Amino acid sequence: MATLKRLPSRAGIDFIKRWEGLRERPYLDAAGIPTIGYGTLRYEDGTPVTLDDPPIEEARAEALLLVPISGYAHGPDAFKFLV
């Protein structure tokens, strides 16, 4: 069982949001991977983003951003769905 670690602060999350920038429509990132929101590659259920996905709103983009961030707080086993 993974040990719960500390989540980033609101300032840390805001930094990530500024760094990534918000894209409401799917796009190809610098590596050519379909991405949406604040750099999201996969949805909560592990489904990859596609260029055919509908646009999302800012609140949804932030919720998607928090999925991997909260996974970091639970350790590497939280990311098995990404492989």
C-alpha atoms as a PDB file:
ATOM      1  CA  MET A   1       0.000   0.000   0.000  1.00  0.00           C
ATOM      2  CA  ALA A   2       1.371   3.400  -0.990  1.00  0.00           C
ATOM      3  CA  THR A   3       1.965   6.011   1.666  1.00  0.00           C
ATOM      4  CA  LEU A   4       0.031   9.231   1.138  1.00  0.00           C
ATOM      5  CA  LYS A   5       2.380  12.092   0.474  1.00  0.00           C
ATOM      6  CA  ARG A   6       1.682  15.807   0.412  1.00  0.00           C
ATOM      7  CA  LEU A   7      -0.197  17.351  -2.514  1.00  0.00           C
ATOM      8  CA  PRO A   8       1.128  20.525  -4.183  1.00  0.00           C
ATOM      9  CA  SER A   9      -0.093  23.819  -2.786  1.00  0.00           C
ATOM     10  CA  ARG A  10      -2.580  26.033  -4.621  1.00  0.00           C
ATOM     11  CA  ALA A  11       0.423  28.142  -5.683  1.00  0.00           C
ATOM     12  CA  GLY A  12       2.087  25.031  -7.124  1.00  0.00           C
ATOM     13  CA  ILE A  13      -1.033  24.089  -9.067  1.00  0.00           C
ATOM     14  CA  ASP A  14      -1.374  27.657 -10.344  1.00  0.00           C
ATOM     15  CA  PHE A  15       2.270  27.563 -11.465  1.00  0.00           C
ATOM     16  CA  ILE A  16       1.618  24.392 -13.470  1.00  0.00           C
ATOM     17  CA  LYS A  17      -1.462  25.991 -15.022  1.00  0.00           C
ATOM     18  CA  ARG A  18       0.515  29.078 -16.077  1.00  0.00           C
ATOM     19  CA  TRP A  19       3.392  26.958 -17.389  1.00  0.00           C
ATOM     20  CA  GLU A  20       1.166  24.618 -19.422  1.00  0.00           C
ATOM     21  CA  GLY A  21      -1.430  27.157 -20.505  1.00  0.00           C
ATOM     22  CA  LEU A  22      -5.075  26.242 -21.092  1.00  0.00           C
ATOM     23  CA  ARG A  23      -6.107  24.699 -24.400  1.00  0.00           C
ATOM     24  CA  GLU A  24      -9.833  23.904 -24.438  1.00  0.00           C
ATOM     25  CA  ARG A  25      -9.651  21.978 -27.718  1.00  0.00           C
ATOM     26  CA  PRO A  26      -7.473  18.921 -28.342  1.00  0.00           C
ATOM     27  CA  TYR A  27      -4.138  19.647 -30.018  1.00  0.00           C
ATOM     28  CA  LEU A  28      -0.861  17.912 -30.744  1.00  0.00           C
ATOM     29  CA  ASP A  29       1.827  18.746 -28.195  1.00  0.00           C
ATOM     30  CA  ALA A  30       5.498  19.214 -29.091  1.00  0.00           C
ATOM     31  CA  ALA A  31       5.965  15.428 -29.150  1.00  0.00           C
ATOM     32  CA  GLY A  32       2.965  14.966 -31.469  1.00  0.00           C
ATOM     33  CA  ILE A  33       0.717  13.498 -28.744  1.00  0.00           C
ATOM     34  CA  PRO A  34      -2.973  14.526 -28.569  1.00  0.00           C
ATOM     35  CA  THR A  35      -3.363  16.749 -25.514  1.00  0.00           C
ATOM     36  CA  ILE A  36      -6.100  18.890 -23.946  1.00  0.00           C
ATOM     37  CA  GLY A  37      -6.553  21.325 -21.075  1.00  0.00           C
ATOM     38  CA  TYR A  38      -3.386  21.922 -19.053  1.00  0.00           C
ATOM     39  CA  GLY A  39      -1.287  19.266 -20.781  1.00  0.00           C
ATOM     40  CA  THR A  40      -3.601  16.298 -20.171  1.00  0.00           C
ATOM     41  CA  LEU A  41      -2.798  13.193 -22.222  1.00  0.00           C
ATOM     42  CA  ARG A  42      -5.367  10.822 -20.679  1.00  0.00           C
ATOM     43  CA  TYR A  43      -8.740  11.184 -19.006  1.00  0.00           C
ATOM     44  CA  GLU A  44      -9.506   9.951 -15.475  1.00  0.00           C
ATOM     45  CA  ASP A  45     -10.320   6.454 -16.728  1.00  0.00           C
ATOM     46  CA  GLY A  46      -7.041   6.169 -18.647  1.00  0.00           C
ATOM     47  CA  THR A  47      -8.572   6.767 -22.086  1.00  0.00           C
ATOM     48  CA  PRO A  48      -6.114   8.697 -24.276  1.00  0.00           C
ATOM     49  CA  VAL A  49      -7.081  12.146 -25.537  1.00  0.00           C
ATOM     50  CA  THR A  50      -7.837  12.193 -29.267  1.00  0.00           C
ATOM     51  CA  LEU A  51      -8.050  15.078 -31.690  1.00  0.00           C
ATOM     52  CA  ASP A  52     -11.740  14.222 -32.183  1.00  0.00           C
ATOM     53  CA  ASP A  53     -12.644  14.825 -28.519  1.00  0.00           C
ATOM     54  CA  PRO A  54     -14.986  17.742 -27.757  1.00  0.00           C
ATOM     55  CA  PRO A  55     -13.653  20.927 -26.166  1.00  0.00           C
ATOM     56  CA  ILE A  56     -13.584  21.189 -22.376  1.00  0.00           C
ATOM     57  CA  GLU A  57     -14.114  24.115 -20.010  1.00  0.00           C
ATOM     58  CA  GLU A  58     -11.537  25.486 -17.564  1.00  0.00           C
ATOM     59  CA  ALA A  59     -13.059  23.704 -14.561  1.00  0.00           C
ATOM     60  CA  ARG A  60     -12.820  20.338 -16.344  1.00  0.00           C
ATOM     61  CA  ALA A  61      -9.251  21.123 -17.418  1.00  0.00           C
ATOM     62  CA  GLU A  62      -8.257  21.780 -13.802  1.00  0.00           C
ATOM     63  CA  ALA A  63      -9.971  18.597 -12.631  1.00  0.00           C
ATOM     64  CA  LEU A  64      -8.007  16.633 -15.250  1.00  0.00           C
ATOM     65  CA  LEU A  65      -4.786  18.347 -14.162  1.00  0.00           C
ATOM     66  CA  LEU A  66      -5.370  17.215 -10.585  1.00  0.00           C
ATOM     67  CA  VAL A  67      -5.683  13.517 -11.540  1.00  0.00           C
ATOM     68  CA  PRO A  68      -1.959  12.894 -12.107  1.00  0.00           C
ATOM     69  CA  ILE A  69      -0.974  15.344  -9.374  1.00  0.00           C
ATOM     70  CA  SER A  70      -3.015  13.397  -6.820  1.00  0.00           C
ATOM     71  CA  GLY A  71      -1.440  10.206  -8.190  1.00  0.00           C
ATOM     72  CA  TYR A  72       2.015  11.520  -7.329  1.00  0.00           C
ATOM     73  CA  ALA A  73       0.834  11.832  -3.748  1.00  0.00           C
ATOM     74  CA  HIS A  74       0.093   8.081  -3.692  1.00  0.00           C
ATOM     75  CA  GLY A  75       3.368   6.949  -5.232  1.00  0.00           C
ATOM     76  CA  PRO A  76       4.262   5.241  -8.525  1.00  0.00           C
ATOM     77  CA  ASP A  77       1.625   2.501  -8.282  1.00  0.00           C
ATOM     78  CA  ALA A  78      -1.046   5.155  -8.854  1.00  0.00           C
ATOM     79  CA  PHE A  79       0.144   5.463 -12.486  1.00  0.00           C
ATOM     80  CA  LYS A  80      -0.162   1.857 -13.646  1.00  0.00           C
ATOM     81  CA  PHE A  81      -3.142   2.863 -15.812  1.00  0.00           C
ATOM     82  CA  LEU A  82      -0.879   5.099 -17.907  1.00  0.00           C
ATOM     83  CA  VAL A  83       1.245   2.183 -19.173  1.00  0.00           C
END
